């Protein structure tokens, strides 16, 4: 096999305006494509993340995500972004109204990290 890197990650959200505002306006990911899929009754928004894409599927009738932390489910645990400075990025998020956990160091790598959540409760990590 010749797997080189992640092509895309897909996330399901429930509110078009909130999800698009969060990922495009707050996190700054540019829209590549966006369209409504009539047969699925959902919006699909493809966002650029350097060499990868983040696919947002906005669908109002999906089940709730289990609580975080402690009540995790099988599947995607969280999404992590590498940043130059966790502290600077956390301050920018907080200035945009996004609550972040305190900055801490990864137990194994010693690198700085913290978590915050998207509008549907998906945990997102920033990591140096």
Foldseek 3Di string as FASTA:
>chain_A
DDDDDAAEAEDEAADPVQQCCCVCVQVNWDWPDWDQDVVVRWIWTWTDDDNHIYIYTHHNDDDAADDPDPGHDPDDQAAEDEDPDPVVSCVSCVVVVWDKDDWDADPPPRWIKTWTAGPRRGIYMYTD
